[in-house]
């Protein structure tokens, strides 16, 4: 791409979230994250999907294999179970929809040769009183782009470049009604089915360690979890992803579910050409509970794509609604 390599910048966030889930009524959510790149040189497939119930990853899918893969400890009752078959077919449909939307947005931008990225977050929430609400947002090249408004059946453009796609999609009233039906009916019904399926899993106390590297270049980075200084098997680690920031830098993250009280045994190991030596950080309680970011080296630029912003807002909202606690610690690796 002829990109002039900026000085390596590595920001590390180490996050611990604990959600204690008791029998009392509480809110729940189902959301899917879709992401893809038009060219493979950005380190993303054409389409990739992750599905979450509350904070727990339960399924992943990618365009290359065209297969849905179960994640976590969810018991689907075999690949032939009706619920799993329904989910697999839905993800194949999302795959097709995502690619068509991707090409539409690129055409409306007159983008045909360069590498571009598209991110989508959609899903629904169910409150304690059984009221529901849905969300459906698009991000293009790391910027907020379009948001669907189910009440009015139209799209809200987050930037002038999105107006052409907004007008084109609003002509298709059938699609708008299908979107609303999914957010208001199909998604809450699917969430209810998944809550029944994952009752034993979701009622357990959940502790998740998340290690995130931000704003680094070049994109070749290695991130590993260690337990008692020994590498963990890949099967024990939650899905890991790399995303471009839109300014030539990248970000990557990985998460790990661990038994409560054993967080100190786990270490995040990061290797990158911009580091003189591998960086290791271990979770420690933060007295203030506030977000602290360690700047490893290089320029002070921090452009976070819209998707991370949405996830952080969802995370804060869930913390407030169900009493979860979150702690961040400084990652010092000079």
C-alpha atoms as a PDB file:
ATOM      1  CA  UNK A   1       0.000   0.000   0.000  1.00  0.00           C
ATOM      2  CA  UNK A   2       3.049   2.226   0.167  1.00  0.00           C
ATOM      3  CA  UNK A   3       2.297   3.249   3.742  1.00  0.00           C
ATOM      4  CA  UNK A   4       5.021   5.193   5.491  1.00  0.00           C
ATOM      5  CA  UNK A   5       5.539   3.297   8.729  1.00  0.00           C
ATOM      6  CA  UNK A   6       4.980   5.607  11.715  1.00  0.00           C
ATOM      7  CA  UNK A   7       6.977   5.099  14.895  1.00  0.00           C
ATOM      8  CA  UNK A   8       5.553   2.121  16.746  1.00  0.00           C
ATOM      9  CA  UNK A   9       3.004   3.057  19.352  1.00  0.00           C
ATOM     10  CA  UNK A  10       1.639   0.434  21.693  1.00  0.00           C
ATOM     11  CA  UNK A  11      -1.033   1.112  24.264  1.00  0.00           C
ATOM     12  CA  UNK A  12      -1.966  -1.754  26.531  1.00  0.00           C
ATOM     13  CA  UNK A  13      -5.196  -2.036  28.475  1.00  0.00           C
ATOM     14  CA  UNK A  14      -5.672  -4.862  30.945  1.00  0.00           C
ATOM     15  CA  UNK A  15      -9.284  -5.123  32.028  1.00  0.00           C
ATOM     16  CA  UNK A  16     -10.977  -7.359  34.549  1.00  0.00           C
ATOM     17  CA  UNK A  17     -14.761  -7.581  34.692  1.00  0.00           C
ATOM     18  CA  UNK A  18     -16.744  -9.541  37.230  1.00  0.00           C
ATOM     19  CA  UNK A  19     -20.490 -10.039  36.908  1.00  0.00           C
ATOM     20  CA  UNK A  20     -22.168 -11.805  39.805  1.00  0.00           C
ATOM     21  CA  UNK A  21     -25.387 -13.243  38.433  1.00  0.00           C
ATOM     22  CA  UNK A  22     -28.005 -14.223  40.957  1.00  0.00           C
ATOM     23  CA  UNK A  23     -31.571 -15.464  40.549  1.00  0.00           C
ATOM     24  CA  UNK A  24     -33.103 -11.964  40.732  1.00  0.00           C
ATOM     25  CA  UNK A  25     -34.564 -10.528  37.504  1.00  0.00           C
ATOM     26  CA  UNK A  26     -32.107  -8.494  35.456  1.00  0.00           C
ATOM     27  CA  UNK A  27     -31.558  -7.172  31.979  1.00  0.00           C
ATOM     28  CA  UNK A  28     -30.061  -9.278  29.190  1.00  0.00           C
ATOM     29  CA  UNK A  29     -28.748  -8.576  25.717  1.00  0.00           C
ATOM     30  CA  UNK A  30     -27.980 -10.343  22.466  1.00  0.00           C
ATOM     31  CA  UNK A  31     -25.676  -8.661  19.995  1.00  0.00           C
ATOM     32  CA  UNK A  32     -23.610  -9.547  16.972  1.00  0.00           C
ATOM     33  CA  UNK A  33     -20.417  -7.893  15.805  1.00  0.00           C
ATOM     34  CA  UNK A  34     -19.722  -8.066  12.072  1.00  0.00           C
ATOM     35  CA  UNK A  35     -16.466  -6.887  10.548  1.00  0.00           C
ATOM     36  CA  UNK A  36     -14.622  -7.251   7.285  1.00  0.00           C
ATOM     37  CA  UNK A  37     -12.064  -5.770   4.911  1.00  0.00           C
ATOM     38  CA  UNK A  38     -12.357  -5.371   1.139  1.00  0.00           C
ATOM     39  CA  UNK A  39      -8.710  -6.383   0.697  1.00  0.00           C
ATOM     40  CA  UNK A  40      -6.944  -9.146   2.656  1.00  0.00           C
ATOM     41  CA  UNK A  41      -3.861  -7.010   3.350  1.00  0.00           C
ATOM     42  CA  UNK A  42      -5.617  -5.412   6.345  1.00  0.00           C
ATOM     43  CA  UNK A  43      -5.557  -8.685   8.256  1.00  0.00           C
ATOM     44  CA  UNK A  44      -9.323  -9.258   8.207  1.00  0.00           C
ATOM     45  CA  UNK A  45     -11.462 -11.668   6.188  1.00  0.00           C
ATOM     46  CA  UNK A  46     -14.193 -10.345   3.920  1.00  0.00           C
ATOM     47  CA  UNK A  47     -16.698 -11.143   6.679  1.00  0.00           C
ATOM     48  CA  UNK A  48     -16.382 -12.281  10.258  1.00  0.00           C
ATOM     49  CA  UNK A  49     -19.060 -12.475  12.947  1.00  0.00           C
ATOM     50  CA  UNK A  50     -19.072 -12.820  16.729  1.00  0.00           C
ATOM     51  CA  UNK A  51     -22.238 -13.403  18.753  1.00  0.00           C
ATOM     52  CA  UNK A  52     -22.653 -12.510  22.440  1.00  0.00           C
ATOM     53  CA  UNK A  53     -25.321 -13.126  25.041  1.00  0.00           C
ATOM     54  CA  UNK A  54     -24.701 -10.568  27.762  1.00  0.00           C
ATOM     55  CA  UNK A  55     -20.883 -10.570  28.001  1.00  0.00           C
ATOM     56  CA  UNK A  56     -20.387 -14.167  26.875  1.00  0.00           C
ATOM     57  CA  UNK A  57     -19.238 -15.157  23.393  1.00  0.00           C
ATOM     58  CA  UNK A  58     -21.335 -18.078  22.160  1.00  0.00           C
ATOM     59  CA  UNK A  59     -20.657 -18.302  18.396  1.00  0.00           C
ATOM     60  CA  UNK A  60     -18.200 -17.207  15.706  1.00  0.00           C
ATOM     61  CA  UNK A  61     -18.365 -17.354  11.906  1.00  0.00           C
ATOM     62  CA  UNK A  62     -16.109 -16.363   9.010  1.00  0.00           C
ATOM     63  CA  UNK A  63     -16.644 -16.009   5.279  1.00  0.00           C
ATOM     64  CA  UNK A  64     -13.791 -18.297   4.279  1.00  0.00           C
ATOM     65  CA  UNK A  65     -15.089 -21.425   6.006  1.00  0.00           C
ATOM     66  CA  UNK A  66     -18.765 -20.409   5.852  1.00  0.00           C
ATOM     67  CA  UNK A  67     -19.211 -22.327   9.075  1.00  0.00           C
ATOM     68  CA  UNK A  68     -20.553 -21.298  12.445  1.00  0.00           C
ATOM     69  CA  UNK A  69     -18.417 -22.473  15.360  1.00  0.00           C
ATOM     70  CA  UNK A  70     -19.734 -22.810  18.936  1.00  0.00           C
ATOM     71  CA  UNK A  71     -17.788 -20.902  21.573  1.00  0.00           C
ATOM     72  CA  UNK A  72     -17.666 -21.221  25.320  1.00  0.00           C
ATOM     73  CA  UNK A  73     -19.448 -23.960  27.256  1.00  0.00           C
ATOM     74  CA  UNK A  74     -22.832 -23.758  25.546  1.00  0.00           C
ATOM     75  CA  UNK A  75     -24.463 -27.151  24.952  1.00  0.00           C
ATOM     76  CA  UNK A  76     -26.302 -27.017  21.635  1.00  0.00           C
ATOM     77  CA  UNK A  77     -27.278 -30.684  21.637  1.00  0.00           C
ATOM     78  CA  UNK A  78     -25.376 -31.472  18.443  1.00  0.00           C
ATOM     79  CA  UNK A  79     -24.966 -29.857  15.032  1.00  0.00           C
ATOM     80  CA  UNK A  80     -28.403 -31.089  13.951  1.00  0.00           C
ATOM     81  CA  UNK A  81     -30.325 -29.351  16.752  1.00  0.00           C
ATOM     82  CA  UNK A  82     -32.998 -26.947  15.443  1.00  0.00           C
ATOM     83  CA  UNK A  83     -31.611 -23.943  17.315  1.00  0.00           C
ATOM     84  CA  UNK A  84     -28.059 -24.488  16.013  1.00  0.00           C
ATOM     85  CA  UNK A  85     -29.280 -25.015  12.450  1.00  0.00           C
ATOM     86  CA  UNK A  86     -31.327 -21.817  12.695  1.00  0.00           C
ATOM     87  CA  UNK A  87     -28.314 -19.892  13.995  1.00  0.00           C
ATOM     88  CA  UNK A  88     -26.010 -21.263  11.271  1.00  0.00           C
ATOM     89  CA  UNK A  89     -28.446 -20.302   8.520  1.00  0.00           C
ATOM     90  CA  UNK A  90     -28.902 -16.837  10.007  1.00  0.00           C
ATOM     91  CA  UNK A  91     -25.145 -16.215   9.997  1.00  0.00           C
ATOM     92  CA  UNK A  92     -24.883 -17.304   6.362  1.00  0.00           C
ATOM     93  CA  UNK A  93     -27.628 -14.805   5.586  1.00  0.00           C
ATOM     94  CA  UNK A  94     -25.777 -12.071   7.507  1.00  0.00           C
ATOM     95  CA  UNK A  95     -22.664 -12.965   5.509  1.00  0.00           C
ATOM     96  CA  UNK A  96     -24.462 -12.296   2.219  1.00  0.00           C
ATOM     97  CA  UNK A  97     -26.146  -9.130   3.521  1.00  0.00           C
ATOM     98  CA  UNK A  98     -22.877  -7.722   4.873  1.00  0.00           C
ATOM     99  CA  UNK A  99     -21.019  -8.176   1.576  1.00  0.00           C
ATOM    100  CA  UNK A 100     -23.849  -6.610  -0.467  1.00  0.00           C
ATOM    101  CA  UNK A 101     -23.981  -3.648   1.925  1.00  0.00           C
ATOM    102  CA  UNK A 102     -20.178  -3.361   1.805  1.00  0.00           C
ATOM    103  CA  UNK A 103     -20.136  -3.081  -1.984  1.00  0.00           C
ATOM    104  CA  UNK A 104     -23.028  -0.604  -1.904  1.00  0.00           C
ATOM    105  CA  UNK A 105     -21.242   1.689   0.514  1.00  0.00           C
ATOM    106  CA  UNK A 106     -17.977   1.453  -1.433  1.00  0.00           C
ATOM    107  CA  UNK A 107     -19.766   2.228  -4.718  1.00  0.00           C
ATOM    108  CA  UNK A 108     -21.436   5.261  -3.169  1.00  0.00           C
ATOM    109  CA  UNK A 109     -17.984   6.472  -2.111  1.00  0.00           C
ATOM    110  CA  UNK A 110     -16.440   5.695  -5.521  1.00  0.00           C
ATOM    111  CA  UNK A 111     -14.076   3.339  -3.700  1.00  0.00           C
ATOM    112  CA  UNK A 112     -13.087   0.412  -5.865  1.00  0.00           C
ATOM    113  CA  UNK A 113      -9.364  -0.287  -5.566  1.00  0.00           C
ATOM    114  CA  UNK A 114      -8.248   0.803  -2.102  1.00  0.00           C
ATOM    115  CA  UNK A 115      -8.590  -1.282   1.043  1.00  0.00           C
ATOM    116  CA  UNK A 116     -11.575  -0.397   3.217  1.00  0.00           C
ATOM    117  CA  UNK A 117     -13.257  -1.789   6.320  1.00  0.00           C
ATOM    118  CA  UNK A 118     -16.861  -2.164   7.436  1.00  0.00           C
ATOM    119  CA  UNK A 119     -18.096  -2.869  10.962  1.00  0.00           C
ATOM    120  CA  UNK A 120     -21.658  -3.564  12.099  1.00  0.00           C
ATOM    121  CA  UNK A 121     -23.140  -4.015  15.557  1.00  0.00           C
ATOM    122  CA  UNK A 122     -26.754  -5.111  15.871  1.00  0.00           C
ATOM    123  CA  UNK A 123     -28.889  -6.760  18.479  1.00  0.00           C
ATOM    124  CA  UNK A 124     -31.410  -6.205  21.235  1.00  0.00           C
ATOM    125  CA  UNK A 125     -31.745  -5.760  24.980  1.00  0.00           C
ATOM    126  CA  UNK A 126     -34.425  -7.096  27.324  1.00  0.00           C
ATOM    127  CA  UNK A 127     -35.017  -5.143  30.518  1.00  0.00           C
ATOM    128  CA  UNK A 128     -36.196  -6.485  33.865  1.00  0.00           C
ATOM    129  CA  UNK A 129     -39.798  -5.516  33.034  1.00  0.00           C
ATOM    130  CA  UNK A 130     -39.543  -7.530  29.763  1.00  0.00           C
ATOM    131  CA  UNK A 131     -39.497  -4.375  27.617  1.00  0.00           C
ATOM    132  CA  UNK A 132     -37.094  -4.610  24.680  1.00  0.00           C
ATOM    133  CA  UNK A 133     -35.060  -2.299  22.481  1.00  0.00           C
ATOM    134  CA  UNK A 134     -32.914  -2.859  19.405  1.00  0.00           C
ATOM    135  CA  UNK A 135     -29.855  -1.284  17.805  1.00  0.00           C
ATOM    136  CA  UNK A 136     -28.278  -1.552  14.335  1.00  0.00           C
ATOM    137  CA  UNK A 137     -25.198   0.542  13.515  1.00  0.00           C
ATOM    138  CA  UNK A 138     -22.649   0.653  10.710  1.00  0.00           C
ATOM    139  CA  UNK A 139     -19.085   1.963  10.778  1.00  0.00           C
ATOM    140  CA  UNK A 140     -16.985   2.530   7.655  1.00  0.00           C
ATOM    141  CA  UNK A 141     -13.206   2.937   7.673  1.00  0.00           C
ATOM    142  CA  UNK A 142     -13.216   3.386  11.433  1.00  0.00           C
ATOM    143  CA  UNK A 143     -15.877   6.130  11.516  1.00  0.00           C
ATOM    144  CA  UNK A 144     -19.531   6.121  12.562  1.00  0.00           C
ATOM    145  CA  UNK A 145     -21.520   5.836   9.338  1.00  0.00           C
ATOM    146  CA  UNK A 146     -25.203   4.836   9.548  1.00  0.00           C
ATOM    147  CA  UNK A 147     -27.706   3.928  12.254  1.00  0.00           C
ATOM    148  CA  UNK A 148     -31.103   2.333  11.688  1.00  0.00           C
ATOM    149  CA  UNK A 149     -34.115   3.908  13.426  1.00  0.00           C
ATOM    150  CA  UNK A 150     -36.804   1.196  13.785  1.00  0.00           C
ATOM    151  CA  UNK A 151     -39.483   3.610  14.991  1.00  0.00           C
ATOM    152  CA  UNK A 152     -39.339   5.725  11.811  1.00  0.00           C
ATOM    153  CA  UNK A 153     -38.010   3.053   9.402  1.00  0.00           C
ATOM    154  CA  UNK A 154     -35.221   5.338   8.207  1.00  0.00           C
ATOM    155  CA  UNK A 155     -31.458   5.671   8.604  1.00  0.00           C
ATOM    156  CA  UNK A 156     -29.487   8.334  10.450  1.00  0.00           C
ATOM    157  CA  UNK A 157     -26.334   9.443   8.624  1.00  0.00           C
ATOM    158  CA  UNK A 158     -23.406  10.081  10.960  1.00  0.00           C
ATOM    159  CA  UNK A 159     -21.369  11.842   8.265  1.00  0.00           C
ATOM    160  CA  UNK A 160     -22.079  13.527   4.904  1.00  0.00           C
ATOM    161  CA  UNK A 161     -20.499  10.644   2.991  1.00  0.00           C
ATOM    162  CA  UNK A 162     -23.264   8.343   4.260  1.00  0.00           C
ATOM    163  CA  UNK A 163     -26.126  10.350   2.734  1.00  0.00           C
ATOM    164  CA  UNK A 164     -26.075   8.534  -0.636  1.00  0.00           C
ATOM    165  CA  UNK A 165     -26.394   5.117   1.026  1.00  0.00           C
ATOM    166  CA  UNK A 166     -29.038   6.428   3.453  1.00  0.00           C
ATOM    167  CA  UNK A 167     -31.240   7.608   0.569  1.00  0.00           C
ATOM    168  CA  UNK A 168     -30.708   4.393  -1.386  1.00  0.00           C
ATOM    169  CA  UNK A 169     -31.625   2.150   1.550  1.00  0.00           C
ATOM    170  CA  UNK A 170     -34.659   4.234   2.536  1.00  0.00           C
ATOM    171  CA  UNK A 171     -36.233   3.599  -0.879  1.00  0.00           C
ATOM    172  CA  UNK A 172     -36.388  -0.108   0.040  1.00  0.00           C
ATOM    173  CA  UNK A 173     -39.309  -0.115   2.483  1.00  0.00           C
ATOM    174  CA  UNK A 174     -39.429  -3.918   2.553  1.00  0.00           C
ATOM    175  CA  UNK A 175     -35.884  -4.084   3.929  1.00  0.00           C
ATOM    176  CA  UNK A 176     -36.688  -1.457   6.559  1.00  0.00           C
ATOM    177  CA  UNK A 177     -39.702  -3.447   7.772  1.00  0.00           C
ATOM    178  CA  UNK A 178     -37.629  -6.635   7.869  1.00  0.00           C
ATOM    179  CA  UNK A 179     -34.986  -4.853   9.941  1.00  0.00           C
ATOM    180  CA  UNK A 180     -37.604  -3.603  12.378  1.00  0.00           C
ATOM    181  CA  UNK A 181     -39.193  -7.045  12.635  1.00  0.00           C
ATOM    182  CA  UNK A 182     -35.831  -8.565  13.479  1.00  0.00           C
ATOM    183  CA  UNK A 183     -35.011  -6.001  16.194  1.00  0.00           C
ATOM    184  CA  UNK A 184     -38.457  -5.958  17.779  1.00  0.00           C
ATOM    185  CA  UNK A 185     -39.577  -9.589  17.385  1.00  0.00           C
ATOM    186  CA  UNK A 186     -37.003 -12.097  16.093  1.00  0.00           C
ATOM    187  CA  UNK A 187     -34.048 -10.890  18.167  1.00  0.00           C
ATOM    188  CA  UNK A 188     -35.900 -10.875  21.541  1.00  0.00           C
ATOM    189  CA  UNK A 189     -37.329 -14.343  20.773  1.00  0.00           C
ATOM    190  CA  UNK A 190     -33.862 -15.626  19.892  1.00  0.00           C
ATOM    191  CA  UNK A 191     -32.464 -14.060  23.062  1.00  0.00           C
ATOM    192  CA  UNK A 192     -35.115 -15.822  25.135  1.00  0.00           C
ATOM    193  CA  UNK A 193     -34.187 -19.165  23.551  1.00  0.00           C
ATOM    194  CA  UNK A 194     -30.509 -18.575  24.236  1.00  0.00           C
ATOM    195  CA  UNK A 195     -31.186 -17.608  27.855  1.00  0.00           C
ATOM    196  CA  UNK A 196     -32.957 -20.937  28.338  1.00  0.00           C
ATOM    197  CA  UNK A 197     -30.102 -22.804  26.656  1.00  0.00           C
ATOM    198  CA  UNK A 198     -27.408 -21.057  28.694  1.00  0.00           C
ATOM    199  CA  UNK A 199     -29.216 -20.901  32.009  1.00  0.00           C
ATOM    200  CA  UNK A 200     -26.549 -22.805  33.919  1.00  0.00           C
ATOM    201  CA  UNK A 201     -23.714 -20.890  32.274  1.00  0.00           C
ATOM    202  CA  UNK A 202     -25.194 -17.409  32.631  1.00  0.00           C
ATOM    203  CA  UNK A 203     -26.141 -17.983  36.295  1.00  0.00           C
ATOM    204  CA  UNK A 204     -22.502 -18.545  37.240  1.00  0.00           C
ATOM    205  CA  UNK A 205     -20.129 -15.860  38.415  1.00  0.00           C
ATOM    206  CA  UNK A 206     -18.105 -14.673  35.415  1.00  0.00           C
ATOM    207  CA  UNK A 207     -14.580 -13.263  35.555  1.00  0.00           C
ATOM    208  CA  UNK A 208     -13.062 -12.125  32.284  1.00  0.00           C
ATOM    209  CA  UNK A 209      -9.545 -10.824  31.704  1.00  0.00           C
ATOM    210  CA  UNK A 210      -9.144  -8.759  28.545  1.00  0.00           C
ATOM    211  CA  UNK A 211      -5.802  -7.647  27.135  1.00  0.00           C
ATOM    212  CA  UNK A 212      -5.931  -5.010  24.404  1.00  0.00           C
ATOM    213  CA  UNK A 213      -3.115  -3.492  22.338  1.00  0.00           C
ATOM    214  CA  UNK A 214      -3.947  -0.186  20.629  1.00  0.00           C
ATOM    215  CA  UNK A 215      -2.388   1.948  17.909  1.00  0.00           C
ATOM    216  CA  UNK A 216       0.556  -0.171  16.796  1.00  0.00           C
ATOM    217  CA  UNK A 217       2.317  -0.515  13.441  1.00  0.00           C
ATOM    218  CA  UNK A 218       3.298  -2.709  11.648  1.00  0.00           C
ATOM    219  CA  UNK A 219       0.368  -5.099  12.131  1.00  0.00           C
ATOM    220  CA  UNK A 220       2.438  -8.208  12.904  1.00  0.00           C
ATOM    221  CA  UNK A 221       1.882  -8.559  16.638  1.00  0.00           C
ATOM    222  CA  UNK A 222       1.868 -11.642  18.871  1.00  0.00           C
ATOM    223  CA  UNK A 223      -0.360 -11.775  21.934  1.00  0.00           C
ATOM    224  CA  UNK A 224      -0.447 -14.775  24.256  1.00  0.00           C
ATOM    225  CA  UNK A 225      -1.934 -15.720  27.601  1.00  0.00           C
ATOM    226  CA  UNK A 226       0.279 -17.387  30.196  1.00  0.00           C
ATOM    227  CA  UNK A 227      -0.872 -19.219  33.309  1.00  0.00           C
ATOM    228  CA  UNK A 228       1.787 -19.555  35.969  1.00  0.00           C
ATOM    229  CA  UNK A 229       4.194 -18.411  33.197  1.00  0.00           C
ATOM    230  CA  UNK A 230       3.229 -21.317  30.931  1.00  0.00           C
ATOM    231  CA  UNK A 231       1.426 -20.759  27.568  1.00  0.00           C
ATOM    232  CA  UNK A 232      -2.240 -21.726  27.467  1.00  0.00           C
ATOM    233  CA  UNK A 233      -3.753 -23.917  24.777  1.00  0.00           C
ATOM    234  CA  UNK A 234      -5.524 -21.982  22.021  1.00  0.00           C
ATOM    235  CA  UNK A 235      -8.802 -23.802  22.783  1.00  0.00           C
ATOM    236  CA  UNK A 236      -8.930 -22.178  26.224  1.00  0.00           C
ATOM    237  CA  UNK A 237      -8.677 -18.645  24.832  1.00  0.00           C
ATOM    238  CA  UNK A 238     -11.585 -16.561  23.614  1.00  0.00           C
ATOM    239  CA  UNK A 239     -11.540 -15.363  20.015  1.00  0.00           C
ATOM    240  CA  UNK A 240      -8.812 -12.818  19.177  1.00  0.00           C
ATOM    241  CA  UNK A 241      -9.123 -10.151  16.509  1.00  0.00           C
ATOM    242  CA  UNK A 242      -7.091  -7.441  14.809  1.00  0.00           C
ATOM    243  CA  UNK A 243      -8.726  -4.309  13.450  1.00  0.00           C
ATOM    244  CA  UNK A 244      -7.340  -1.330  11.493  1.00  0.00           C
ATOM    245  CA  UNK A 245      -7.883   2.083  13.082  1.00  0.00           C
ATOM    246  CA  UNK A 246      -8.221   4.010   9.824  1.00  0.00           C
ATOM    247  CA  UNK A 247      -5.055   6.071  10.394  1.00  0.00           C
ATOM    248  CA  UNK A 248      -2.543   3.383   9.388  1.00  0.00           C
ATOM    249  CA  UNK A 249      -2.275   1.830  12.864  1.00  0.00           C
ATOM    250  CA  UNK A 250      -3.958  -1.282  14.256  1.00  0.00           C
ATOM    251  CA  UNK A 251      -5.456  -2.644  17.431  1.00  0.00           C
ATOM    252  CA  UNK A 252      -5.840  -6.183  18.727  1.00  0.00           C
ATOM    253  CA  UNK A 253      -7.372  -7.838  21.750  1.00  0.00           C
ATOM    254  CA  UNK A 254      -7.855 -11.184  23.402  1.00  0.00           C
ATOM    255  CA  UNK A 255      -9.995 -12.260  26.334  1.00  0.00           C
ATOM    256  CA  UNK A 256      -9.897 -15.119  28.802  1.00  0.00           C
ATOM    257  CA  UNK A 257     -12.463 -16.438  31.277  1.00  0.00           C
ATOM    258  CA  UNK A 258     -10.811 -17.465  34.555  1.00  0.00           C
ATOM    259  CA  UNK A 259     -12.011 -18.740  37.951  1.00  0.00           C
ATOM    260  CA  UNK A 260     -12.737 -15.876  40.366  1.00  0.00           C
ATOM    261  CA  UNK A 261      -9.830 -15.272  42.703  1.00  0.00           C
ATOM    262  CA  UNK A 262      -7.189 -16.700  40.342  1.00  0.00           C
ATOM    263  CA  UNK A 263      -6.671 -13.612  38.173  1.00  0.00           C
ATOM    264  CA  UNK A 264      -3.139 -13.080  39.518  1.00  0.00           C
ATOM    265  CA  UNK A 265      -1.978 -16.363  37.948  1.00  0.00           C
ATOM    266  CA  UNK A 266      -2.523 -15.080  34.393  1.00  0.00           C
ATOM    267  CA  UNK A 267      -0.227 -12.872  32.341  1.00  0.00           C
ATOM    268  CA  UNK A 268      -0.638 -11.159  28.988  1.00  0.00           C
ATOM    269  CA  UNK A 269       2.491 -11.460  26.819  1.00  0.00           C
ATOM    270  CA  UNK A 270       2.854  -9.095  23.837  1.00  0.00           C
ATOM    271  CA  UNK A 271       5.602  -9.177  21.207  1.00  0.00           C
ATOM    272  CA  UNK A 272       5.932  -6.484  18.528  1.00  0.00           C
ATOM    273  CA  UNK A 273       8.760  -5.115  16.322  1.00  0.00           C
ATOM    274  CA  UNK A 274       8.355  -1.716  18.007  1.00  0.00           C
ATOM    275  CA  UNK A 275       9.299  -3.198  21.391  1.00  0.00           C
ATOM    276  CA  UNK A 276      12.879  -3.837  22.428  1.00  0.00           C
ATOM    277  CA  UNK A 277      11.713  -6.884  24.365  1.00  0.00           C
ATOM    278  CA  UNK A 278       8.413  -8.716  24.961  1.00  0.00           C
ATOM    279  CA  UNK A 279       5.958  -6.930  27.226  1.00  0.00           C
ATOM    280  CA  UNK A 280       4.230  -8.817  30.044  1.00  0.00           C
ATOM    281  CA  UNK A 281       1.509  -7.480  32.299  1.00  0.00           C
ATOM    282  CA  UNK A 282      -0.450  -9.101  35.107  1.00  0.00           C
ATOM    283  CA  UNK A 283      -3.751  -7.952  36.538  1.00  0.00           C
ATOM    284  CA  UNK A 284      -3.601  -6.210  39.887  1.00  0.00           C
ATOM    285  CA  UNK A 285      -6.433  -4.492  41.780  1.00  0.00           C
ATOM    286  CA  UNK A 286      -6.709  -0.811  40.928  1.00  0.00           C
ATOM    287  CA  UNK A 287      -7.490   1.305  44.004  1.00  0.00           C
ATOM    288  CA  UNK A 288      -9.354   3.943  42.008  1.00  0.00           C
ATOM    289  CA  UNK A 289     -11.106   1.624  39.556  1.00  0.00           C
ATOM    290  CA  UNK A 290     -10.456   4.128  36.765  1.00  0.00           C
ATOM    291  CA  UNK A 291      -9.118   3.611  33.276  1.00  0.00           C
ATOM    292  CA  UNK A 292      -5.343   3.889  33.050  1.00  0.00           C
ATOM    293  CA  UNK A 293      -3.452   3.360  29.803  1.00  0.00           C
ATOM    294  CA  UNK A 294       0.244   2.649  29.440  1.00  0.00           C
ATOM    295  CA  UNK A 295       2.028   4.249  26.480  1.00  0.00           C
ATOM    296  CA  UNK A 296       4.876   1.989  25.462  1.00  0.00           C
ATOM    297  CA  UNK A 297       6.730   4.035  22.847  1.00  0.00           C
ATOM    298  CA  UNK A 298       6.365   6.321  19.848  1.00  0.00           C
ATOM    299  CA  UNK A 299       3.897   9.002  18.836  1.00  0.00           C
ATOM    300  CA  UNK A 300       0.924  10.124  20.927  1.00  0.00           C
ATOM    301  CA  UNK A 301      -1.944   9.322  18.611  1.00  0.00           C
ATOM    302  CA  UNK A 302      -5.047   7.508  19.817  1.00  0.00           C
ATOM    303  CA  UNK A 303      -7.815   6.996  17.279  1.00  0.00           C
ATOM    304  CA  UNK A 304     -10.225   4.278  18.400  1.00  0.00           C
ATOM    305  CA  UNK A 305     -12.697   2.913  15.851  1.00  0.00           C
ATOM    306  CA  UNK A 306     -16.409   3.330  16.498  1.00  0.00           C
ATOM    307  CA  UNK A 307     -16.851  -0.322  17.389  1.00  0.00           C
ATOM    308  CA  UNK A 308     -14.738  -0.093  20.542  1.00  0.00           C
ATOM    309  CA  UNK A 309     -16.655   3.015  21.602  1.00  0.00           C
ATOM    310  CA  UNK A 310     -19.952   1.169  21.261  1.00  0.00           C
ATOM    311  CA  UNK A 311     -18.625  -1.806  23.215  1.00  0.00           C
ATOM    312  CA  UNK A 312     -17.400   0.419  26.036  1.00  0.00           C
ATOM    313  CA  UNK A 313     -20.803   2.139  26.252  1.00  0.00           C
ATOM    314  CA  UNK A 314     -22.547  -1.249  26.375  1.00  0.00           C
ATOM    315  CA  UNK A 315     -20.106  -2.416  29.039  1.00  0.00           C
ATOM    316  CA  UNK A 316     -20.675   0.657  31.231  1.00  0.00           C
ATOM    317  CA  UNK A 317     -24.445   0.332  30.857  1.00  0.00           C
ATOM    318  CA  UNK A 318     -24.351  -3.314  31.898  1.00  0.00           C
ATOM    319  CA  UNK A 319     -22.129  -2.480  34.852  1.00  0.00           C
ATOM    320  CA  UNK A 320     -24.679   0.037  36.110  1.00  0.00           C
ATOM    321  CA  UNK A 321     -27.629  -2.307  35.574  1.00  0.00           C
ATOM    322  CA  UNK A 322     -26.305  -5.488  37.146  1.00  0.00           C
ATOM    323  CA  UNK A 323     -23.664  -4.400  39.648  1.00  0.00           C
ATOM    324  CA  UNK A 324     -20.608  -5.658  37.759  1.00  0.00           C
ATOM    325  CA  UNK A 325     -17.209  -4.305  38.740  1.00  0.00           C
ATOM    326  CA  UNK A 326     -14.392  -3.299  36.433  1.00  0.00           C
ATOM    327  CA  UNK A 327     -10.725  -2.534  37.048  1.00  0.00           C
ATOM    328  CA  UNK A 328      -8.016  -1.333  34.679  1.00  0.00           C
ATOM    329  CA  UNK A 329      -4.308  -1.348  35.377  1.00  0.00           C
ATOM    330  CA  UNK A 330      -1.330   0.417  33.922  1.00  0.00           C
ATOM    331  CA  UNK A 331       0.729  -1.538  31.440  1.00  0.00           C
ATOM    332  CA  UNK A 332       4.331  -0.440  31.850  1.00  0.00           C
ATOM    333  CA  UNK A 333       6.690  -1.934  29.271  1.00  0.00           C
ATOM    334  CA  UNK A 334       9.507   0.471  28.494  1.00  0.00           C
END
